[in-house]
PDB file of N, CA and C in Angstrom:
ATOM      1  N   MET A   1      20.645 -39.614 -19.034  1.00  0.00           N
ATOM      2  CA  MET A   1      20.734 -38.393 -19.808  1.00  0.00           C
ATOM      3  C   MET A   1      20.387 -37.187 -18.944  1.00  0.00           C
ATOM      4  N   ALA A   2      21.029 -36.116 -19.251  1.00  0.00           N
ATOM      5  CA  ALA A   2      20.760 -34.866 -18.532  1.00  0.00           C
ATOM      6  C   ALA A   2      19.483 -34.230 -19.070  1.00  0.00           C
ATOM      7  N   ARG A   3      18.729 -33.700 -18.170  1.00  0.00           N
ATOM      8  CA  ARG A   3      17.474 -33.058 -18.558  1.00  0.00           C
ATOM      9  C   ARG A   3      17.740 -31.585 -18.862  1.00  0.00           C
ATOM     10  N   ARG A   4      17.214 -31.120 -19.971  1.00  0.00           N
ATOM     11  CA  ARG A   4      17.430 -29.735 -20.358  1.00  0.00           C
ATOM     12  C   ARG A   4      16.520 -28.799 -19.581  1.00  0.00           C
ATOM     13  N   LYS A   5      17.054 -27.655 -19.303  1.00  0.00           N
ATOM     14  CA  LYS A   5      16.277 -26.640 -18.609  1.00  0.00           C
ATOM     15  C   LYS A   5      15.321 -25.992 -19.606  1.00  0.00           C
ATOM     16  N   SER A   6      14.077 -25.827 -19.191  1.00  0.00           N
ATOM     17  CA  SER A   6      13.105 -25.232 -20.110  1.00  0.00           C
ATOM     18  C   SER A   6      13.394 -23.746 -20.274  1.00  0.00           C
ATOM     19  N   PHE A   7      13.180 -23.262 -21.453  1.00  0.00           N
ATOM     20  CA  PHE A   7      13.443 -21.871 -21.795  1.00  0.00           C
ATOM     21  C   PHE A   7      12.167 -21.054 -21.633  1.00  0.00           C
ATOM     22  N   LYS A   8      12.239 -19.969 -20.870  1.00  0.00           N
ATOM     23  CA  LYS A   8      11.103 -19.070 -20.720  1.00  0.00           C
ATOM     24  C   LYS A   8      11.411 -17.771 -21.445  1.00  0.00           C
ATOM     25  N   LYS A   9      10.509 -17.373 -22.300  1.00  0.00           N
ATOM     26  CA  LYS A   9      10.686 -16.123 -23.016  1.00  0.00           C
ATOM     27  C   LYS A   9      10.354 -14.965 -22.081  1.00  0.00           C
ATOM     28  N   ILE A  10      11.177 -13.938 -22.103  1.00  0.00           N
ATOM     29  CA  ILE A  10      10.979 -12.767 -21.253  1.00  0.00           C
ATOM     30  C   ILE A  10      10.569 -11.598 -22.137  1.00  0.00           C
ATOM     31  N   TYR A  11       9.483 -10.960 -21.745  1.00  0.00           N
ATOM     32  CA  TYR A  11       8.973  -9.798 -22.467  1.00  0.00           C
ATOM     33  C   TYR A  11       9.327  -8.543 -21.684  1.00  0.00           C
ATOM     34  N   ARG A  12       9.821  -7.533 -22.374  1.00  0.00           N
ATOM     35  CA  ARG A  12      10.180  -6.259 -21.745  1.00  0.00           C
ATOM     36  C   ARG A  12       9.178  -5.200 -22.183  1.00  0.00           C
ATOM     37  N   TYR A  13       8.680  -4.476 -21.196  1.00  0.00           N
ATOM     38  CA  TYR A  13       7.717  -3.414 -21.466  1.00  0.00           C
ATOM     39  C   TYR A  13       8.167  -2.146 -20.770  1.00  0.00           C
ATOM     40  N   GLN A  14       7.650  -1.023 -21.246  1.00  0.00           N
ATOM     41  CA  GLN A  14       8.003   0.261 -20.670  1.00  0.00           C
ATOM     42  C   GLN A  14       6.736   1.006 -20.291  1.00  0.00           C
ATOM     43  N   CYS A  15       6.733   1.580 -19.102  1.00  0.00           N
ATOM     44  CA  CYS A  15       5.588   2.352 -18.626  1.00  0.00           C
ATOM     45  C   CYS A  15       5.447   3.588 -19.507  1.00  0.00           C
ATOM     46  N   THR A  16       4.226   3.896 -19.906  1.00  0.00           N
ATOM     47  CA  THR A  16       3.998   5.032 -20.794  1.00  0.00           C
ATOM     48  C   THR A  16       4.136   6.368 -20.075  1.00  0.00           C
ATOM     49  N   MET A  17       4.000   6.375 -18.759  1.00  0.00           N
ATOM     50  CA  MET A  17       4.070   7.637 -18.013  1.00  0.00           C
ATOM     51  C   MET A  17       5.448   7.892 -17.410  1.00  0.00           C
ATOM     52  N   THR A  18       6.018   6.898 -16.759  1.00  0.00           N
ATOM     53  CA  THR A  18       7.282   7.099 -16.045  1.00  0.00           C
ATOM     54  C   THR A  18       8.496   6.611 -16.831  1.00  0.00           C
ATOM     55  N   GLU A  19       8.275   5.962 -17.959  1.00  0.00           N
ATOM     56  CA  GLU A  19       9.350   5.391 -18.785  1.00  0.00           C
ATOM     57  C   GLU A  19      10.138   4.316 -18.031  1.00  0.00           C
ATOM     58  N   GLU A  20       9.577   3.796 -16.951  1.00  0.00           N
ATOM     59  CA  GLU A  20      10.205   2.719 -16.188  1.00  0.00           C
ATOM     60  C   GLU A  20      10.066   1.414 -16.969  1.00  0.00           C
ATOM     61  N   GLU A  21      11.138   0.630 -17.036  1.00  0.00           N
ATOM     62  CA  GLU A  21      11.108  -0.624 -17.780  1.00  0.00           C
ATOM     63  C   GLU A  21      10.900  -1.788 -16.819  1.00  0.00           C
ATOM     64  N   PHE A  22      10.068  -2.741 -17.207  1.00  0.00           N
ATOM     65  CA  PHE A  22       9.864  -3.927 -16.395  1.00  0.00           C
ATOM     66  C   PHE A  22       9.745  -5.149 -17.277  1.00  0.00           C
ATOM     67  N   LYS A  23       9.993  -6.333 -16.685  1.00  0.00           N
ATOM     68  CA  LYS A  23      10.011  -7.589 -17.426  1.00  0.00           C
ATOM     69  C   LYS A  23       8.932  -8.515 -16.901  1.00  0.00           C
ATOM     70  N   THR A  24       8.337  -9.290 -17.811  1.00  0.00           N
ATOM     71  CA  THR A  24       7.376 -10.317 -17.434  1.00  0.00           C
ATOM     72  C   THR A  24       7.646 -11.563 -18.262  1.00  0.00           C
ATOM     73  N   THR A  25       7.065 -12.680 -17.846  1.00  0.00           N
ATOM     74  CA  THR A  25       7.204 -13.910 -18.614  1.00  0.00           C
ATOM     75  C   THR A  25       5.963 -14.190 -19.444  1.00  0.00           C
ATOM     76  N   ARG A  26       4.977 -13.297 -19.367  1.00  0.00           N
ATOM     77  CA  ARG A  26       3.776 -13.432 -20.183  1.00  0.00           C
ATOM     78  C   ARG A  26       3.658 -12.252 -21.135  1.00  0.00           C
ATOM     79  N   GLU A  27       3.160 -12.528 -22.310  1.00  0.00           N
ATOM     80  CA  GLU A  27       2.945 -11.459 -23.271  1.00  0.00           C
ATOM     81  C   GLU A  27       1.693 -10.675 -22.883  1.00  0.00           C
ATOM     82  N   ALA A  28       1.799  -9.365 -22.914  1.00  0.00           N
ATOM     83  CA  ALA A  28       0.666  -8.519 -22.541  1.00  0.00           C
ATOM     84  C   ALA A  28      -0.272  -8.363 -23.733  1.00  0.00           C
ATOM     85  N   PRO A  29      -1.591  -8.480 -23.507  1.00  0.00           N
ATOM     86  CA  PRO A  29      -2.530  -8.318 -24.613  1.00  0.00           C
ATOM     87  C   PRO A  29      -2.557  -6.881 -25.142  1.00  0.00           C
ATOM     88  N   ASN A  30      -2.367  -5.892 -24.256  1.00  0.00           N
ATOM     89  CA  ASN A  30      -2.351  -4.477 -24.651  1.00  0.00           C
ATOM     90  C   ASN A  30      -1.118  -3.800 -24.049  1.00  0.00           C
ATOM     91  N   PRO A  31       0.047  -3.943 -24.653  1.00  0.00           N
ATOM     92  CA  PRO A  31       1.257  -3.387 -24.039  1.00  0.00           C
ATOM     93  C   PRO A  31       1.254  -1.863 -23.952  1.00  0.00           C
ATOM     94  N   ASP A  32       0.468  -1.187 -24.776  1.00  0.00           N
ATOM     95  CA  ASP A  32       0.422   0.270 -24.712  1.00  0.00           C
ATOM     96  C   ASP A  32      -0.325   0.764 -23.483  1.00  0.00           C
ATOM     97  N   ASP A  33      -1.139  -0.081 -22.867  1.00  0.00           N
ATOM     98  CA  ASP A  33      -1.920   0.305 -21.697  1.00  0.00           C
ATOM     99  C   ASP A  33      -1.211   0.009 -20.382  1.00  0.00           C
ATOM    100  N   LEU A  34      -0.038  -0.608 -20.418  1.00  0.00           N
ATOM    101  CA  LEU A  34       0.658  -0.974 -19.186  1.00  0.00           C
ATOM    102  C   LEU A  34       1.249   0.254 -18.510  1.00  0.00           C
ATOM    103  N   MET A  35       1.186   0.263 -17.178  1.00  0.00           N
ATOM    104  CA  MET A  35       1.813   1.332 -16.412  1.00  0.00           C
ATOM    105  C   MET A  35       2.371   0.755 -15.122  1.00  0.00           C
ATOM    106  N   SER A  36       3.310   1.462 -14.549  1.00  0.00           N
ATOM    107  CA  SER A  36       3.923   1.008 -13.303  1.00  0.00           C
ATOM    108  C   SER A  36       2.976   1.239 -12.137  1.00  0.00           C
ATOM    109  N   VAL A  37       3.296   0.619 -11.017  1.00  0.00           N
ATOM    110  CA  VAL A  37       2.483   0.781  -9.809  1.00  0.00           C
ATOM    111  C   VAL A  37       2.501   2.238  -9.367  1.00  0.00           C
ATOM    112  N   LYS A  38       3.664   2.861  -9.425  1.00  0.00           N
ATOM    113  CA  LYS A  38       3.788   4.266  -9.021  1.00  0.00           C
ATOM    114  C   LYS A  38       2.905   5.155  -9.888  1.00  0.00           C
ATOM    115  N   ALA A  39       2.903   4.938 -11.182  1.00  0.00           N
ATOM    116  CA  ALA A  39       2.083   5.747 -12.083  1.00  0.00           C
ATOM    117  C   ALA A  39       0.600   5.520 -11.826  1.00  0.00           C
ATOM    118  N   TYR A  40       0.215   4.293 -11.539  1.00  0.00           N
ATOM    119  CA  TYR A  40      -1.197   4.003 -11.267  1.00  0.00           C
ATOM    120  C   TYR A  40      -1.677   4.750 -10.026  1.00  0.00           C
ATOM    121  N   TYR A  41      -0.894   4.686  -8.958  1.00  0.00           N
ATOM    122  CA  TYR A  41      -1.309   5.355  -7.727  1.00  0.00           C
ATOM    123  C   TYR A  41      -1.190   6.875  -7.838  1.00  0.00           C
ATOM    124  N   ASP A  42      -0.332   7.384  -8.722  1.00  0.00           N
ATOM    125  CA  ASP A  42      -0.307   8.828  -8.977  1.00  0.00           C
ATOM    126  C   ASP A  42      -1.586   9.272  -9.670  1.00  0.00           C
ATOM    127  N   MET A  43      -2.113   8.432 -10.542  1.00  0.00           N
ATOM    128  CA  MET A  43      -3.351   8.761 -11.251  1.00  0.00           C
ATOM    129  C   MET A  43      -4.583   8.548 -10.377  1.00  0.00           C
ATOM    130  N   HIS A  44      -4.538   7.573  -9.458  1.00  0.00           N
ATOM    131  CA  HIS A  44      -5.684   7.213  -8.622  1.00  0.00           C
ATOM    132  C   HIS A  44      -5.285   7.235  -7.143  1.00  0.00           C
ATOM    133  N   PRO A  45      -5.039   8.399  -6.563  1.00  0.00           N
ATOM    134  CA  PRO A  45      -4.600   8.434  -5.157  1.00  0.00           C
ATOM    135  C   PRO A  45      -5.674   7.962  -4.179  1.00  0.00           C
ATOM    136  N   GLU A  46      -6.939   8.038  -4.555  1.00  0.00           N
ATOM    137  CA  GLU A  46      -8.011   7.600  -3.652  1.00  0.00           C
ATOM    138  C   GLU A  46      -8.041   6.082  -3.496  1.00  0.00           C
ATOM    139  N   GLU A  47      -7.423   5.350  -4.412  1.00  0.00           N
ATOM    140  CA  GLU A  47      -7.398   3.889  -4.342  1.00  0.00           C
ATOM    141  C   GLU A  47      -6.118   3.351  -3.704  1.00  0.00           C
ATOM    142  N   ASP A  48      -5.285   4.239  -3.202  1.00  0.00           N
ATOM    143  CA  ASP A  48      -4.010   3.835  -2.617  1.00  0.00           C
ATOM    144  C   ASP A  48      -4.244   3.242  -1.234  1.00  0.00           C
ATOM    145  N   ASP A  49      -4.287   1.915  -1.155  1.00  0.00           N
ATOM    146  CA  ASP A  49      -4.546   1.228   0.107  1.00  0.00           C
ATOM    147  C   ASP A  49      -3.304   0.507   0.637  1.00  0.00           C
ATOM    148  N   ARG A  50      -2.134   0.934   0.177  1.00  0.00           N
ATOM    149  CA  ARG A  50      -0.892   0.325   0.648  1.00  0.00           C
ATOM    150  C   ARG A  50      -0.602   0.753   2.084  1.00  0.00           C
ATOM    151  N   PRO A  51       0.114  -0.074   2.839  1.00  0.00           N
ATOM    152  CA  PRO A  51       0.505   0.321   4.201  1.00  0.00           C
ATOM    153  C   PRO A  51       1.433   1.542   4.170  1.00  0.00           C
ATOM    154  N   GLU A  52       1.457   2.282   5.256  1.00  0.00           N
ATOM    155  CA  GLU A  52       2.236   3.522   5.326  1.00  0.00           C
ATOM    156  C   GLU A  52       3.728   3.281   5.112  1.00  0.00           C
ATOM    157  N   ASP A  53       4.267   2.172   5.621  1.00  0.00           N
ATOM    158  CA  ASP A  53       5.696   1.916   5.455  1.00  0.00           C
ATOM    159  C   ASP A  53       6.062   1.677   3.994  1.00  0.00           C
ATOM    160  N   ILE A  54       5.175   1.085   3.228  1.00  0.00           N
ATOM    161  CA  ILE A  54       5.419   0.873   1.796  1.00  0.00           C
ATOM    162  C   ILE A  54       5.385   2.208   1.060  1.00  0.00           C
ATOM    163  N   LYS A  55       4.439   3.070   1.419  1.00  0.00           N
ATOM    164  CA  LYS A  55       4.360   4.400   0.802  1.00  0.00           C
ATOM    165  C   LYS A  55       5.636   5.187   1.065  1.00  0.00           C
ATOM    166  N   LYS A  56       6.135   5.139   2.308  1.00  0.00           N
ATOM    167  CA  LYS A  56       7.366   5.853   2.656  1.00  0.00           C
ATOM    168  C   LYS A  56       8.550   5.300   1.881  1.00  0.00           C
ATOM    169  N   GLN A  57       8.590   3.986   1.708  1.00  0.00           N
ATOM    170  CA  GLN A  57       9.689   3.356   0.979  1.00  0.00           C
ATOM    171  C   GLN A  57       9.695   3.827  -0.477  1.00  0.00           C
ATOM    172  N   PHE A  58       8.533   3.905  -1.110  1.00  0.00           N
ATOM    173  CA  PHE A  58       8.455   4.383  -2.483  1.00  0.00           C
ATOM    174  C   PHE A  58       8.862   5.847  -2.581  1.00  0.00           C
ATOM    175  N   GLU A  59       8.479   6.667  -1.599  1.00  0.00           N
ATOM    176  CA  GLU A  59       8.859   8.078  -1.598  1.00  0.00           C
ATOM    177  C   GLU A  59      10.365   8.236  -1.449  1.00  0.00           C
ATOM    178  N   GLU A  60      10.982   7.451  -0.566  1.00  0.00           N
ATOM    179  CA  GLU A  60      12.425   7.518  -0.376  1.00  0.00           C
ATOM    180  C   GLU A  60      13.164   7.078  -1.633  1.00  0.00           C
ATOM    181  N   ASP A  61      12.668   6.036  -2.286  1.00  0.00           N
ATOM    182  CA  ASP A  61      13.302   5.557  -3.514  1.00  0.00           C
ATOM    183  C   ASP A  61      13.212   6.599  -4.618  1.00  0.00           C
ATOM    184  N   SER A  62      12.080   7.276  -4.728  1.00  0.00           N
ATOM    185  CA  SER A  62      11.924   8.281  -5.781  1.00  0.00           C
ATOM    186  C   SER A  62      12.748   9.525  -5.472  1.00  0.00           C
ATOM    187  N   ASN A  63      12.940   9.852  -4.196  1.00  0.00           N
ATOM    188  CA  ASN A  63      13.750  11.013  -3.830  1.00  0.00           C
ATOM    189  C   ASN A  63      15.234  10.755  -4.032  1.00  0.00           C
ATOM    190  N   SER A  64      15.668   9.524  -3.914  1.00  0.00           N
ATOM    191  CA  SER A  64      17.083   9.201  -4.065  1.00  0.00           C
ATOM    192  C   SER A  64      17.528   9.217  -5.523  1.00  0.00           C
ATOM    193  N   LEU A  65      16.591   9.144  -6.450  1.00  0.00           N
ATOM    194  CA  LEU A  65      16.949   9.153  -7.874  1.00  0.00           C
ATOM    195  C   LEU A  65      17.155  10.525  -8.343  1.00  0.00           C
TER     196      LEU A  65
END
């Protein structure tokens, strides 16, 4: 017999600040508190410990939109 593929439920959430939509396979306990990585680092620039090349990549992506 063929084995069936297990079904994973996908949850869609939207960032409250940037309106960016993202998907997860787990249900969020507080979906109203979710925010994107970009929004988090915009709110907390002192905690931005990403490498410089990643920061430049995010800036280029935001400028191209």
